[in-house]
């Protein structure tokens, strides 16, 4: 399943790394591409979207 999430408060590569680590903690096999210019994170995972969003929120970011 591919998720495309807009994360308005993702400002830099460190933010993207934090989000990537949060998702990888749920699904180590997930593929994550974060674009800090567009604020979009694309995630290929088998983890349910609600769980992915919850992990990102727990990391301190708010997916729109």
N, C-alpha and C. Protein backbone atom coordinates (compact mmCIF):
# COMPACT_ATOMS: atom_id res chain seq x y z
N UNK A 1 0.85 -1.17 0.00
CA UNK A 1 0.00 0.00 0.00
C UNK A 1 0.90 1.23 0.00
N UNK A 2 0.54 2.21 -0.82
CA UNK A 2 1.30 3.45 -0.88
C UNK A 2 0.48 4.57 -0.24
N UNK A 3 1.11 5.24 0.72
CA UNK A 3 0.49 6.39 1.37
C UNK A 3 1.21 7.65 0.94
N UNK A 4 0.48 8.71 0.72
CA UNK A 4 1.07 10.00 0.42
C UNK A 4 0.50 10.99 1.42
N UNK A 5 1.35 11.42 2.36
CA UNK A 5 0.89 12.27 3.45
C UNK A 5 1.55 13.64 3.37
N UNK A 6 0.76 14.69 3.53
CA UNK A 6 1.30 16.04 3.63
C UNK A 6 1.56 16.33 5.10
N UNK A 7 2.77 16.78 5.38
CA UNK A 7 3.16 17.07 6.77
C UNK A 7 3.68 18.52 6.80
N UNK A 8 2.77 19.48 7.05
CA UNK A 8 3.13 20.90 6.96
C UNK A 8 4.29 21.33 7.86
N UNK A 9 4.47 20.66 9.01
CA UNK A 9 5.53 21.08 9.91
C UNK A 9 6.85 20.33 9.70
N UNK A 10 7.00 19.64 8.57
CA UNK A 10 8.28 18.99 8.21
C UNK A 10 9.12 20.05 7.50
N UNK A 11 10.10 20.59 8.20
CA UNK A 11 10.83 21.74 7.68
C UNK A 11 12.21 21.42 7.07
N UNK A 12 12.83 20.32 7.49
CA UNK A 12 14.21 20.09 7.07
C UNK A 12 14.50 18.59 6.98
N UNK A 13 15.72 18.28 6.60
CA UNK A 13 16.08 16.86 6.46
C UNK A 13 16.09 16.15 7.80
N UNK A 14 16.38 16.86 8.88
CA UNK A 14 16.33 16.23 10.21
C UNK A 14 14.89 15.83 10.55
N UNK A 15 13.93 16.68 10.17
CA UNK A 15 12.52 16.34 10.37
C UNK A 15 12.17 15.09 9.57
N UNK A 16 12.60 15.06 8.32
CA UNK A 16 12.34 13.91 7.45
C UNK A 16 12.95 12.65 8.04
N UNK A 17 14.16 12.76 8.60
CA UNK A 17 14.81 11.60 9.21
C UNK A 17 14.03 11.09 10.42
N UNK A 18 13.52 12.03 11.23
CA UNK A 18 12.73 11.65 12.41
C UNK A 18 11.47 10.91 11.99
N UNK A 19 10.80 11.42 10.96
CA UNK A 19 9.58 10.78 10.45
C UNK A 19 9.91 9.40 9.89
N UNK A 20 11.00 9.31 9.14
CA UNK A 20 11.43 8.03 8.57
C UNK A 20 11.69 7.01 9.67
N UNK A 21 12.39 7.41 10.72
CA UNK A 21 12.68 6.50 11.83
C UNK A 21 11.40 6.04 12.52
N UNK A 22 10.43 6.95 12.66
CA UNK A 22 9.16 6.59 13.31
C UNK A 22 8.42 5.52 12.50
N UNK A 23 8.42 5.68 11.18
CA UNK A 23 7.73 4.71 10.32
C UNK A 23 8.50 3.39 10.30
N UNK A 24 9.82 3.46 10.22
CA UNK A 24 10.65 2.25 10.19
C UNK A 24 10.51 1.44 11.48
N UNK A 25 10.20 2.11 12.60
CA UNK A 25 10.00 1.40 13.86
C UNK A 25 8.76 0.49 13.77
N UNK A 26 7.79 0.90 12.96
CA UNK A 26 6.59 0.09 12.75
C UNK A 26 6.82 -0.99 11.70
N UNK A 27 7.49 -0.61 10.62
CA UNK A 27 7.68 -1.51 9.47
C UNK A 27 9.09 -1.30 8.93
N UNK A 28 10.00 -2.15 9.34
CA UNK A 28 11.40 -2.01 8.93
C UNK A 28 11.58 -2.13 7.42
N UNK A 29 10.63 -2.76 6.74
CA UNK A 29 10.72 -2.94 5.29
C UNK A 29 10.08 -1.80 4.51
N UNK A 30 9.53 -0.82 5.21
CA UNK A 30 8.86 0.29 4.53
C UNK A 30 9.85 1.09 3.68
N UNK A 31 9.34 1.61 2.56
CA UNK A 31 10.11 2.50 1.71
C UNK A 31 9.53 3.89 1.90
N UNK A 32 10.38 4.85 2.24
CA UNK A 32 9.92 6.19 2.56
C UNK A 32 10.69 7.21 1.73
N UNK A 33 9.94 8.13 1.12
CA UNK A 33 10.55 9.24 0.38
C UNK A 33 9.92 10.52 0.91
N UNK A 34 10.75 11.41 1.46
CA UNK A 34 10.26 12.66 2.03
C UNK A 34 10.79 13.83 1.22
N UNK A 35 9.89 14.74 0.85
CA UNK A 35 10.27 15.94 0.10
C UNK A 35 9.97 17.14 0.99
N UNK A 36 11.03 17.78 1.50
CA UNK A 36 10.84 18.91 2.41
C UNK A 36 10.34 20.16 1.69
N UNK A 37 10.52 20.23 0.38
CA UNK A 37 10.02 21.38 -0.38
C UNK A 37 8.50 21.34 -0.51
N UNK A 38 7.96 20.17 -0.82
CA UNK A 38 6.51 20.03 -1.00
C UNK A 38 5.81 19.60 0.28
N UNK A 39 6.60 19.21 1.30
CA UNK A 39 6.06 18.74 2.59
C UNK A 39 5.30 17.42 2.46
N UNK A 40 5.63 16.63 1.44
CA UNK A 40 4.94 15.37 1.20
C UNK A 40 5.87 14.19 1.51
N UNK A 41 5.33 13.22 2.24
CA UNK A 41 6.05 11.99 2.51
C UNK A 41 5.28 10.86 1.83
N UNK A 42 5.98 10.10 1.01
CA UNK A 42 5.39 8.94 0.34
C UNK A 42 5.94 7.70 1.01
N UNK A 43 5.02 6.82 1.44
CA UNK A 43 5.41 5.64 2.20
C UNK A 43 4.80 4.40 1.55
N UNK A 44 5.65 3.43 1.27
CA UNK A 44 5.20 2.12 0.78
C UNK A 44 5.32 1.16 1.96
N UNK A 45 4.16 0.69 2.45
CA UNK A 45 4.15 -0.14 3.65
C UNK A 45 2.93 -1.05 3.67
N UNK A 46 3.00 -2.07 4.49
CA UNK A 46 1.84 -2.94 4.72
C UNK A 46 1.14 -2.57 6.02
N UNK A 47 1.68 -1.60 6.74
CA UNK A 47 1.10 -1.15 8.00
C UNK A 47 -0.12 -0.27 7.73
N UNK A 48 -1.19 -0.43 8.49
CA UNK A 48 -2.39 0.40 8.27
C UNK A 48 -2.09 1.90 8.39
N UNK A 49 -2.78 2.68 7.57
CA UNK A 49 -2.55 4.13 7.53
C UNK A 49 -2.71 4.76 8.91
N UNK A 50 -3.70 4.36 9.67
CA UNK A 50 -3.93 4.95 10.99
C UNK A 50 -2.72 4.74 11.90
N UNK A 51 -2.10 3.57 11.82
CA UNK A 51 -0.92 3.29 12.66
C UNK A 51 0.27 4.13 12.23
N UNK A 52 0.44 4.31 10.92
CA UNK A 52 1.53 5.14 10.39
C UNK A 52 1.34 6.58 10.85
N UNK A 53 0.12 7.09 10.71
CA UNK A 53 -0.15 8.47 11.14
C UNK A 53 0.08 8.63 12.64
N UNK A 54 -0.33 7.64 13.43
CA UNK A 54 -0.14 7.70 14.88
C UNK A 54 1.35 7.75 15.23
N UNK A 55 2.17 7.00 14.51
CA UNK A 55 3.61 7.00 14.76
C UNK A 55 4.22 8.35 14.42
N UNK A 56 3.74 8.97 13.34
CA UNK A 56 4.25 10.28 12.94
C UNK A 56 3.83 11.34 13.96
N UNK A 57 2.61 11.26 14.45
CA UNK A 57 2.14 12.19 15.49
C UNK A 57 2.97 12.00 16.76
N UNK A 58 3.23 10.75 17.13
CA UNK A 58 4.04 10.47 18.33
C UNK A 58 5.46 11.03 18.19
N UNK A 59 5.94 11.14 16.94
CA UNK A 59 7.27 11.69 16.70
C UNK A 59 7.27 13.22 16.72
N UNK A 60 6.06 13.82 16.84
CA UNK A 60 5.98 15.27 16.97
C UNK A 60 5.52 16.02 15.74
N UNK A 61 4.98 15.31 14.75
CA UNK A 61 4.55 15.94 13.50
C UNK A 61 3.07 15.68 13.27
N UNK A 62 2.44 16.55 12.50
CA UNK A 62 0.99 16.46 12.30
C UNK A 62 0.64 16.27 10.83
N UNK A 63 0.43 15.01 10.41
CA UNK A 63 0.04 14.78 9.01
C UNK A 63 -1.34 15.39 8.74
N UNK A 64 -1.43 16.08 7.62
CA UNK A 64 -2.70 16.73 7.27
C UNK A 64 -3.61 15.75 6.55
